[in-house]
Amino acid sequence: MPNITSNQILSQSAKQYWLHWLFAIIWNAMTWFAIIKGGDNILKAFEANPVFYFFVLFPFIGLWIIIIAIKETLAWHKFGKTPITLNPFPAQVGGLCAGYIDLPIPAKNAPQAILSLSCIRRFVHRSNDGKHSTREEALWQDRLTLKPDNYRQRIRLNFAFNPPANLPASEEKSNDYHLWKLNIRIALPGIDYERTFELPLRVADQHAIATNSHIQAKTSTIIEHRDTEIGSIPKITKTATGIQFYYGYGRAKAMAITLMLTGAFIAVFAHFFFSGFLDFLPTTTSLMAIYVYLVALALSLAGLFLIANSLSTEVSLIGVRKQQRIFGFLLEEKIEAKDIVDIIAEKNGSSTSGNATKVWFCLKLITRDGKNREVGDNLEGQSYAEQIRQEMLTALGLSWHAATLEVQDTIKKKPIPAWLGFWLRLIGKLLSYSFLIAFIYDMHLLFPQATEFISKLLP
């Protein structure tokens, strides 16, 4: 765990806005230097290949970075340091993560505040070409929406989270370590308040749990998930036989639009980029373009799937009826109550926007034969997913008793027929050498005498 001795934790906002200014200066200096020094050559490049029009975006990106830097600077000078005070300190994995923060904001301007605690794995990834890059993976996240308390002409946020015991504690920085972040957002007139704090958390042992069991964590008034923007998923209605949980079309529209726009951008960029090489290496270029188009198509179809599917789960004393519509086609499944072992919440995705991290959970119904069916998705935060899970279990009624999971012998997989295995291996070999084969063919067309030399390079 990082060596933090004080229970007052500061954010990284001061460092952040200086980094934004540094990045803005470097980006704009390089962009405008290239424009001024290479003006005529840039225009010729535009005429030679339309793909270079992509670089027209660079000055606008630089302007956007400057706007962000100005916004971060104004926010820092408006709100100041605003440290968080933890109690208990350090916070506990498998125990309590609680504390408060005082902010120089009038209560009338801040009807609610959104707090998001997340566990992050940060690691150095090495690509196939030997390059290193730092990546982050969100392992867990929970969210609270609070009504701020009035405190000496300011506001105070008292918060409390309960991180699960199966998560890692905070670790020292290395090439692969875990950290905990608390993001606080308050929508305000003018400049919003948004800060991210890195909190120290350790695994709670029995002594720590016993010591802190007497601490009554004070929490500001909690605004239920149902009364926030995330409460629209799912829509819960009573039916003649039970309760229906409806996850409508377009419930993940932000992610869907992002995927489709990314797919469209890749396709357009590939079209203009590869068109310049068709006369030189037609077969190799066409093959590369096909692979890129397939990736673009997969992204677009994934985005379209997120929009064009709905899920309806009806829970009653009889059991669960699941109806899923995909592109208008209905898939229906019924599970009797006597066959249900449990409903569990599992992480099924994450997203990052600025400093805010969101983890999405799905609900899986487990039956006595060990199979699981997804009966809920797109639920933000652990506590909200657990709330919907509890509502589903309650809808099964007091007469429901969890079925016993049957332990089955390991099912032996049927061997792949020899003829199918042969064709699969052959297709795999052709795909692995497809670019080399295409390149040799193009070289044969350009320089027939080089064919024999290049063919010797084949394994």
Protein backbone atom coordinates (compact mmCIF):
# COMPACT_ATOMS: atom_id res chain seq x y z
CA MET A 1 0.00 0.00 0.00
CA PRO A 2 1.30 3.53 -0.78
CA ASN A 3 3.01 5.25 2.15
CA ILE A 4 0.29 7.77 3.07
CA THR A 5 0.33 8.86 6.70
CA SER A 6 -2.43 11.48 6.78
CA ASN A 7 -6.15 10.78 6.56
CA GLN A 8 -6.54 13.92 4.42
CA ILE A 9 -6.21 12.99 0.75
CA LEU A 10 -5.62 15.61 -1.97
CA SER A 11 -6.61 15.25 -5.60
CA GLN A 12 -4.25 15.52 -8.56
CA SER A 13 -6.04 18.54 -10.05
CA ALA A 14 -3.16 21.02 -9.68
CA LYS A 15 -0.78 18.65 -11.45
CA GLN A 16 -3.45 17.81 -14.00
CA TYR A 17 -4.11 21.32 -15.26
CA TRP A 18 -0.34 21.97 -15.62
CA LEU A 19 -0.04 18.78 -17.67
CA HIS A 20 -2.93 19.92 -19.87
CA TRP A 21 -1.15 23.21 -20.54
CA LEU A 22 2.13 21.43 -21.29
CA PHE A 23 0.42 19.06 -23.71
CA ALA A 24 -1.50 21.95 -25.35
CA ILE A 25 1.71 23.92 -25.92
CA ILE A 26 3.60 20.94 -27.37
CA TRP A 27 0.72 19.84 -29.62
CA ASN A 28 -0.01 23.31 -31.02
CA ALA A 29 3.68 24.15 -31.46
CA MET A 30 4.30 21.00 -33.50
CA THR A 31 1.11 21.43 -35.53
CA TRP A 32 1.65 25.07 -36.48
CA PHE A 33 5.36 24.53 -37.12
CA ALA A 34 4.46 21.82 -39.61
CA ILE A 35 1.79 24.03 -41.24
CA ILE A 36 4.08 27.06 -41.58
CA LYS A 37 7.16 25.20 -42.77
CA GLY A 38 5.45 22.70 -45.04
CA GLY A 39 2.51 24.69 -46.39
CA ASP A 40 3.05 24.00 -50.11
CA ASN A 41 4.05 20.39 -49.55
CA ILE A 42 0.95 19.79 -47.43
CA LEU A 43 -1.28 21.13 -50.21
CA LYS A 44 0.44 18.86 -52.71
CA ALA A 45 -0.07 15.90 -50.36
CA PHE A 46 -3.78 16.73 -50.17
CA GLU A 47 -4.00 16.68 -53.96
CA ALA A 48 -2.04 13.42 -54.21
CA ASN A 49 -4.11 11.48 -51.67
CA PRO A 50 -7.34 12.63 -49.97
CA VAL A 51 -6.41 10.62 -46.87
CA PHE A 52 -4.14 13.50 -45.81
CA TYR A 53 -7.23 15.66 -45.24
CA PHE A 54 -7.36 13.83 -41.93
CA PHE A 55 -4.55 16.10 -40.72
CA VAL A 56 -6.84 19.13 -41.10
CA LEU A 57 -8.27 18.06 -37.75
CA PHE A 58 -4.98 18.65 -35.92
CA PRO A 59 -5.40 22.46 -35.39
CA PHE A 60 -8.95 21.88 -34.09
CA ILE A 61 -7.68 19.19 -31.72
CA GLY A 62 -5.12 21.70 -30.45
CA LEU A 63 -7.87 24.27 -29.85
CA TRP A 64 -9.90 21.67 -27.97
CA ILE A 65 -6.91 20.87 -25.71
CA ILE A 66 -6.48 24.58 -24.93
CA ILE A 67 -10.17 24.87 -23.98
CA ILE A 68 -9.81 21.89 -21.61
CA ALA A 69 -6.68 23.42 -20.04
CA ILE A 70 -8.49 26.76 -19.49
CA LYS A 71 -11.46 24.95 -17.95
CA GLU A 72 -9.22 22.93 -15.60
CA THR A 73 -7.34 26.08 -14.54
CA LEU A 74 -10.51 28.04 -13.78
CA ALA A 75 -11.93 25.08 -11.82
CA TRP A 76 -8.77 24.83 -9.71
CA HIS A 77 -8.79 28.52 -8.81
CA LYS A 78 -12.52 28.46 -8.10
CA PHE A 79 -12.61 25.48 -5.71
CA GLY A 80 -9.06 25.20 -4.35
CA LYS A 81 -7.53 22.06 -2.84
CA THR A 82 -10.68 20.45 -1.29
CA PRO A 83 -9.07 17.46 0.50
CA ILE A 84 -11.02 14.34 1.48
CA THR A 85 -10.90 13.16 5.10
CA LEU A 86 -11.08 9.38 5.55
CA ASN A 87 -12.54 7.69 8.64
CA PRO A 88 -11.47 4.93 9.18
CA PHE A 89 -7.97 5.46 7.85
CA PRO A 90 -6.82 3.76 5.76
CA ALA A 91 -10.05 2.63 4.14
CA GLN A 92 -10.77 -1.09 4.03
CA VAL A 93 -11.32 -3.68 1.31
CA GLY A 94 -13.95 -6.00 2.74
CA GLY A 95 -14.83 -3.35 5.32
CA LEU A 96 -15.63 0.34 5.14
CA CYS A 97 -14.46 3.13 2.85
CA ALA A 98 -15.96 6.27 4.39
CA GLY A 99 -15.21 9.91 5.01
CA TYR A 100 -16.27 13.43 4.09
CA ILE A 101 -15.32 16.40 1.95
CA ASP A 102 -16.12 20.10 2.46
CA LEU A 103 -16.63 22.24 -0.63
CA PRO A 104 -16.92 26.05 -1.08
CA ILE A 105 -20.25 25.73 -2.89
CA PRO A 106 -23.62 27.20 -1.80
CA ALA A 107 -26.13 24.42 -1.04
CA LYS A 108 -28.77 25.96 -3.31
CA ASN A 109 -26.49 25.48 -6.33
CA ALA A 110 -25.76 21.80 -5.64
CA PRO A 111 -28.92 19.68 -5.42
CA GLN A 112 -26.96 16.44 -5.82
CA ALA A 113 -23.45 15.02 -6.05
CA ILE A 114 -22.33 11.82 -7.79
CA LEU A 115 -19.54 9.81 -6.14
CA SER A 116 -17.97 6.85 -7.89
CA LEU A 117 -15.44 4.51 -6.25
CA SER A 118 -13.51 2.21 -8.56
CA CYS A 119 -10.74 -0.39 -8.31
CA ILE A 120 -8.24 -0.09 -11.16
CA ARG A 121 -5.47 -2.33 -12.40
CA ARG A 122 -2.75 -0.25 -14.07
CA PHE A 123 -0.09 -2.14 -16.00
CA VAL A 124 2.51 -1.76 -18.72
CA HIS A 125 1.54 -3.57 -21.92
CA ARG A 126 4.16 -4.72 -24.39
CA SER A 127 3.02 -5.04 -27.99
CA ASN A 128 4.37 -7.49 -30.55
CA ASP A 129 6.70 -4.86 -31.99
CA GLY A 130 8.30 -4.27 -28.57
CA LYS A 131 6.60 -0.96 -27.77
CA HIS A 132 5.38 -0.31 -24.23
CA SER A 133 2.20 1.49 -23.22
CA THR A 134 0.44 2.02 -19.90
CA ARG A 135 -3.09 0.64 -19.72
CA GLU A 136 -5.85 0.58 -17.14
CA GLU A 137 -8.47 -2.08 -16.47
CA ALA A 138 -11.47 -1.32 -14.25
CA LEU A 139 -12.11 -4.30 -11.97
CA TRP A 140 -14.99 -2.94 -9.90
CA GLN A 141 -17.02 0.23 -9.44
CA ASP A 142 -19.85 1.48 -7.28
CA ARG A 143 -21.77 4.71 -7.25
CA LEU A 144 -23.55 6.94 -4.75
CA THR A 145 -25.80 9.90 -5.47
CA LEU A 146 -25.99 12.18 -2.43
CA LYS A 147 -27.86 15.29 -1.41
CA PRO A 148 -25.15 17.57 0.05
CA ASP A 149 -25.41 18.69 3.69
CA ASN A 150 -25.44 22.39 4.57
CA TYR A 151 -22.26 23.11 6.54
CA ARG A 152 -21.15 26.63 7.56
CA GLN A 153 -22.31 28.33 4.34
CA ARG A 154 -20.63 25.52 2.43
CA ILE A 155 -21.60 21.96 1.64
CA ARG A 156 -20.32 18.72 3.13
CA LEU A 157 -20.54 15.29 1.55
CA ASN A 158 -20.49 12.36 3.97
CA PHE A 159 -20.02 9.10 2.07
CA ALA A 160 -19.63 5.39 2.79
CA PHE A 161 -18.84 2.52 0.44
CA ASN A 162 -18.47 -1.20 1.16
CA PRO A 163 -15.80 -2.63 -1.19
CA PRO A 164 -16.06 -6.45 -1.54
CA ALA A 165 -13.43 -8.54 0.23
CA ASN A 166 -12.36 -10.34 -2.98
CA LEU A 167 -10.77 -7.19 -4.45
CA PRO A 168 -7.07 -6.24 -4.15
CA ALA A 169 -5.77 -3.54 -1.81
CA SER A 170 -3.86 -0.42 -2.90
CA GLU A 171 -0.33 -1.19 -4.03
CA GLU A 172 2.92 0.67 -4.61
CA LYS A 173 3.47 1.91 -8.15
CA SER A 174 5.13 -0.64 -10.43
CA ASN A 175 4.73 -2.13 -13.88
CA ASP A 176 1.59 -3.88 -12.68
CA TYR A 177 -0.30 -2.63 -9.62
CA HIS A 178 -3.77 -1.83 -8.25
CA LEU A 179 -5.17 1.48 -7.11
CA TRP A 180 -8.47 2.88 -5.87
CA LYS A 181 -10.02 6.05 -7.26
CA LEU A 182 -12.88 8.16 -5.95
CA ASN A 183 -14.43 10.51 -8.51
CA ILE A 184 -16.76 13.29 -7.33
CA ARG A 185 -18.94 15.23 -9.77
CA ILE A 186 -21.32 18.09 -9.02
CA ALA A 187 -23.17 19.90 -11.82
CA LEU A 188 -23.08 23.64 -11.10
CA PRO A 189 -23.93 26.91 -12.86
CA GLY A 190 -20.83 27.83 -14.88
CA ILE A 191 -17.93 25.50 -14.06
CA ASP A 192 -18.78 22.06 -12.67
CA TYR A 193 -16.88 20.52 -9.78
CA GLU A 194 -15.09 17.29 -10.71
CA ARG A 195 -12.12 15.84 -8.88
CA THR A 196 -10.52 12.41 -8.70
CA PHE A 197 -8.78 11.18 -5.55
CA GLU A 198 -6.50 8.19 -5.19
CA LEU A 199 -7.44 6.53 -1.91
CA PRO A 200 -5.36 4.12 0.21
CA LEU A 201 -7.23 0.87 0.91
CA ARG A 202 -5.95 -2.17 2.75
CA VAL A 203 -7.49 -5.60 3.24
CA ALA A 204 -9.58 -5.55 6.41
CA ASP A 205 -8.50 -8.20 8.92
CA GLN A 206 -10.62 -9.36 11.85
CA HIS A 207 -8.95 -6.91 14.22
CA ALA A 208 -9.66 -3.95 11.92
CA ILE A 209 -13.26 -5.05 11.43
CA ALA A 210 -13.76 -5.40 15.19
CA THR A 211 -12.08 -2.05 15.89
CA ASN A 212 -14.15 -0.17 13.33
CA SER A 213 -17.43 -1.98 14.04
CA HIS A 214 -18.22 0.76 16.57
CA ILE A 215 -17.79 3.48 13.94
CA GLN A 216 -21.17 4.69 12.77
CA ALA A 217 -20.50 5.90 9.24
CA LYS A 218 -22.42 9.11 8.73
CA THR A 219 -23.80 9.45 5.23
CA SER A 220 -25.46 12.39 3.54
CA THR A 221 -28.99 11.77 2.30
CA ILE A 222 -28.76 9.08 -0.38
CA ILE A 223 -30.74 9.65 -3.55
CA GLU A 224 -31.98 6.23 -4.67
CA HIS A 225 -30.78 4.90 -8.00
CA ARG A 226 -34.39 4.88 -9.18
CA ASP A 227 -34.45 8.69 -8.89
CA THR A 228 -31.29 9.21 -10.97
CA GLU A 229 -30.54 8.90 -14.67
CA ILE A 230 -29.31 5.30 -14.31
CA GLY A 231 -32.67 4.26 -12.77
CA SER A 232 -34.37 4.15 -16.18
CA ILE A 233 -32.69 0.78 -16.85
CA PRO A 234 -34.53 -1.47 -16.37
CA LYS A 235 -38.16 -0.35 -16.38
CA ILE A 236 -39.94 -2.32 -13.66
CA THR A 237 -43.68 -2.95 -13.92
CA LYS A 238 -46.11 -5.28 -12.21
CA THR A 239 -47.83 -7.84 -14.42
CA ALA A 240 -50.77 -10.17 -13.81
CA THR A 241 -48.41 -12.93 -12.70
CA GLY A 242 -45.32 -11.19 -11.35
CA ILE A 243 -42.82 -8.39 -12.03
CA GLN A 244 -41.33 -7.48 -15.39
CA PHE A 245 -37.83 -6.04 -15.78
CA TYR A 246 -37.58 -4.43 -19.23
CA TYR A 247 -34.25 -3.45 -20.79
CA GLY A 248 -35.32 -1.48 -23.86
CA TYR A 249 -33.84 -0.83 -27.27
CA GLY A 250 -30.88 1.53 -27.36
CA ARG A 251 -30.09 1.19 -23.65
CA ALA A 252 -26.36 1.33 -24.51
CA LYS A 253 -26.70 3.92 -27.27
CA ALA A 254 -23.58 5.88 -26.31
CA MET A 255 -21.38 2.80 -26.69
CA ALA A 256 -23.29 1.74 -29.82
CA ILE A 257 -22.82 5.11 -31.53
CA THR A 258 -19.13 5.11 -30.59
CA LEU A 259 -18.64 1.66 -32.13
CA MET A 260 -20.49 2.54 -35.33
CA LEU A 261 -18.67 5.85 -35.78
CA THR A 262 -15.34 4.11 -35.17
CA GLY A 263 -16.22 1.47 -37.75
CA ALA A 264 -17.27 4.13 -40.28
CA PHE A 265 -14.09 6.15 -39.68
CA ILE A 266 -11.86 3.08 -40.14
CA ALA A 267 -13.68 2.15 -43.37
CA VAL A 268 -13.44 5.66 -44.86
CA PHE A 269 -9.80 6.06 -43.81
CA ALA A 270 -8.92 2.64 -45.25
CA HIS A 271 -10.67 3.44 -48.54
CA PHE A 272 -8.60 6.57 -49.18
CA PHE A 273 -5.40 5.15 -47.70
CA PHE A 274 -5.30 1.90 -49.67
CA SER A 275 -6.49 3.47 -52.92
CA GLY A 276 -3.04 5.03 -53.32
CA PHE A 277 -1.34 1.61 -53.41
CA LEU A 278 -3.69 -0.29 -55.73
CA ASP A 279 -1.62 0.46 -58.81
CA PHE A 280 1.61 -0.66 -57.15
CA LEU A 281 0.61 -3.75 -55.12
CA PRO A 282 -2.99 -4.50 -56.12
CA THR A 283 -3.38 -7.97 -54.58
CA THR A 284 -1.60 -7.23 -51.29
CA THR A 285 -3.39 -3.91 -50.90
CA SER A 286 -6.79 -5.44 -51.65
CA LEU A 287 -6.19 -8.20 -49.11
CA MET A 288 -5.16 -5.72 -46.41
CA ALA A 289 -8.19 -3.57 -47.23
CA ILE A 290 -10.50 -6.59 -46.90
CA TYR A 291 -9.16 -7.35 -43.42
CA VAL A 292 -9.59 -3.72 -42.34
CA TYR A 293 -13.10 -3.56 -43.82
CA LEU A 294 -14.01 -6.72 -41.90
CA VAL A 295 -12.86 -5.09 -38.65
CA ALA A 296 -14.88 -1.97 -39.48
CA LEU A 297 -17.91 -4.10 -40.32
CA ALA A 298 -17.60 -6.05 -37.05
CA LEU A 299 -17.50 -2.81 -35.04
CA SER A 300 -20.51 -1.41 -36.88
CA LEU A 301 -22.52 -4.61 -36.43
CA ALA A 302 -21.62 -4.71 -32.73
CA GLY A 303 -22.89 -1.15 -32.36
CA LEU A 304 -26.04 -1.96 -34.30
CA PHE A 305 -26.63 -5.02 -32.10
CA LEU A 306 -26.46 -2.87 -28.95
CA ILE A 307 -29.20 -0.64 -30.35
CA ALA A 308 -31.39 -3.27 -32.03
CA ASN A 309 -31.95 -5.65 -29.13
CA SER A 310 -34.20 -5.59 -26.10
CA LEU A 311 -34.50 -7.85 -23.07
CA SER A 312 -37.58 -8.55 -20.99
CA THR A 313 -37.37 -10.69 -17.86
CA GLU A 314 -40.60 -11.56 -16.06
CA VAL A 315 -40.17 -13.06 -12.59
CA SER A 316 -43.04 -14.74 -10.76
CA LEU A 317 -43.79 -17.53 -8.29
CA ILE A 318 -43.71 -19.97 -11.21
CA GLY A 319 -40.22 -18.98 -12.34
CA VAL A 320 -38.56 -16.72 -14.89
CA ARG A 321 -39.59 -16.01 -18.45
CA LYS A 322 -36.92 -14.39 -20.59
CA GLN A 323 -37.75 -12.71 -23.91
CA GLN A 324 -35.06 -11.17 -26.06
CA ARG A 325 -35.70 -9.46 -29.38
CA ILE A 326 -32.74 -9.12 -31.74
CA PHE A 327 -33.38 -7.23 -34.97
CA GLY A 328 -37.07 -8.00 -34.48
CA PHE A 329 -36.63 -11.76 -33.94
CA LEU A 330 -37.99 -13.11 -30.67
CA LEU A 331 -36.01 -15.56 -28.55
CA GLU A 332 -37.96 -16.88 -25.57
CA GLU A 333 -36.93 -19.10 -22.69
CA LYS A 334 -38.67 -20.24 -19.50
CA ILE A 335 -36.98 -21.43 -16.31
CA GLU A 336 -39.02 -23.00 -13.54
CA ALA A 337 -38.49 -21.72 -9.99
CA LYS A 338 -37.54 -25.19 -8.72
CA ASP A 339 -34.56 -25.24 -11.09
CA ILE A 340 -33.10 -21.86 -10.04
CA VAL A 341 -29.96 -21.97 -7.89
CA ASP A 342 -29.21 -18.24 -7.70
CA ILE A 343 -28.96 -14.96 -9.58
CA ILE A 344 -25.52 -13.36 -9.49
CA ALA A 345 -24.10 -10.00 -10.59
CA GLU A 346 -21.02 -10.08 -12.83
CA LYS A 347 -18.96 -7.40 -14.50
CA ASN A 348 -19.51 -7.40 -18.26
CA GLY A 349 -17.88 -4.16 -19.40
CA SER A 350 -16.33 -0.84 -18.47
CA SER A 351 -15.85 2.61 -19.94
CA THR A 352 -13.77 5.69 -19.15
CA SER A 353 -14.71 9.28 -19.91
CA GLY A 354 -12.16 11.82 -18.73
CA ASN A 355 -11.41 10.96 -15.10
CA ALA A 356 -14.65 9.04 -14.54
CA THR A 357 -14.70 5.25 -14.74
CA LYS A 358 -17.88 3.21 -15.09
CA VAL A 359 -18.22 -0.54 -14.69
CA TRP A 360 -21.30 -2.23 -16.09
CA PHE A 361 -22.76 -5.35 -14.52
CA CYS A 362 -25.05 -8.05 -15.86
CA LEU A 363 -27.26 -10.49 -13.96
CA LYS A 364 -26.91 -14.20 -14.61
CA LEU A 365 -29.40 -16.81 -13.52
CA ILE A 366 -27.82 -20.15 -12.57
CA THR A 367 -29.83 -23.36 -12.90
CA ARG A 368 -29.32 -26.71 -11.20
CA ASP A 369 -27.60 -28.18 -14.28
CA GLY A 370 -24.83 -25.52 -14.04
CA LYS A 371 -25.99 -23.43 -16.99
CA ASN A 372 -26.42 -19.67 -16.72
CA ARG A 373 -28.73 -17.30 -18.55
CA GLU A 374 -28.31 -13.53 -18.74
CA VAL A 375 -31.44 -11.95 -17.29
CA GLY A 376 -30.22 -8.36 -16.92
CA ASP A 377 -27.53 -6.11 -18.33
CA ASN A 378 -26.21 -2.54 -18.58
CA LEU A 379 -26.43 -1.94 -14.81
CA GLU A 380 -23.95 0.69 -13.61
CA GLY A 381 -22.23 -0.03 -10.31
CA GLN A 382 -22.19 -2.98 -7.93
CA SER A 383 -24.87 -1.69 -5.53
CA TYR A 384 -27.42 -1.01 -8.27
CA ALA A 385 -26.85 -4.46 -9.80
CA GLU A 386 -27.30 -6.02 -6.33
CA GLN A 387 -30.50 -4.02 -5.82
CA ILE A 388 -32.05 -5.34 -9.05
CA ARG A 389 -30.85 -8.84 -8.15
CA GLN A 390 -32.59 -8.67 -4.78
CA GLU A 391 -35.82 -7.45 -6.40
CA MET A 392 -35.73 -10.42 -8.77
CA LEU A 393 -35.17 -12.91 -5.95
CA THR A 394 -37.95 -11.31 -3.92
CA ALA A 395 -40.31 -11.65 -6.88
CA LEU A 396 -39.79 -15.44 -6.76
CA GLY A 397 -41.74 -15.38 -3.50
CA LEU A 398 -41.21 -16.69 0.01
CA SER A 399 -41.98 -20.23 -1.12
CA TRP A 400 -38.92 -20.32 -3.40
CA HIS A 401 -35.95 -22.30 -2.14
CA ALA A 402 -32.66 -22.31 -3.97
CA ALA A 403 -32.08 -25.50 -5.94
CA THR A 404 -28.96 -27.55 -5.36
CA LEU A 405 -26.32 -27.27 -8.02
CA GLU A 406 -25.78 -30.70 -9.50
CA VAL A 407 -22.12 -31.68 -9.83
CA GLN A 408 -21.73 -33.23 -13.23
CA ASP A 409 -18.85 -35.26 -14.54
CA THR A 410 -16.66 -33.42 -16.98
CA ILE A 411 -18.30 -33.70 -20.36
CA LYS A 412 -15.90 -35.21 -22.84
CA LYS A 413 -15.71 -33.17 -25.98
CA LYS A 414 -16.31 -35.03 -29.17
CA PRO A 415 -13.15 -35.19 -31.27
CA ILE A 416 -13.14 -33.14 -34.44
CA PRO A 417 -13.48 -35.34 -37.54
CA ALA A 418 -10.18 -35.87 -39.33
CA TRP A 419 -11.39 -34.34 -42.59
CA LEU A 420 -12.64 -31.21 -40.80
CA GLY A 421 -9.39 -30.88 -38.85
CA PHE A 422 -7.40 -31.12 -42.10
CA TRP A 423 -9.38 -28.31 -43.77
CA LEU A 424 -9.22 -26.11 -40.67
CA ARG A 425 -5.44 -26.48 -40.49
CA LEU A 426 -5.14 -25.78 -44.20
CA ILE A 427 -7.28 -22.62 -43.97
CA GLY A 428 -5.25 -21.49 -40.96
CA LYS A 429 -2.00 -21.93 -42.86
CA LEU A 430 -3.33 -20.04 -45.88
CA LEU A 431 -4.51 -17.15 -43.70
CA SER A 432 -1.19 -16.96 -41.83
CA TYR A 433 0.74 -16.73 -45.11
CA SER A 434 -1.88 -14.80 -47.09
CA PHE A 435 -0.03 -11.47 -47.08
CA LEU A 436 3.27 -13.11 -48.04
CA ILE A 437 1.61 -15.04 -50.85
CA ALA A 438 -0.13 -11.91 -52.11
CA PHE A 439 3.13 -9.93 -51.95
CA ILE A 440 5.00 -12.61 -53.93
CA TYR A 441 2.24 -12.60 -56.54
CA ASP A 442 2.45 -8.81 -56.89
CA MET A 443 6.23 -9.00 -57.14
CA HIS A 444 5.84 -11.63 -59.83
CA LEU A 445 3.72 -9.24 -61.85
CA LEU A 446 6.15 -6.37 -61.37
CA PHE A 447 9.46 -8.25 -61.46
CA PRO A 448 9.08 -11.84 -62.71
CA GLN A 449 12.79 -12.49 -62.14
CA ALA A 450 12.44 -11.75 -58.40
CA THR A 451 9.86 -14.48 -57.83
CA GLU A 452 12.37 -17.27 -57.41
CA PHE A 453 14.47 -15.27 -54.92
CA ILE A 454 11.54 -14.22 -52.71
CA SER A 455 10.00 -17.71 -52.72
CA LYS A 456 13.14 -19.00 -51.00
CA LEU A 457 12.24 -16.89 -47.98
CA LEU A 458 9.17 -19.02 -47.34
CA PRO A 459 9.44 -21.37 -44.32
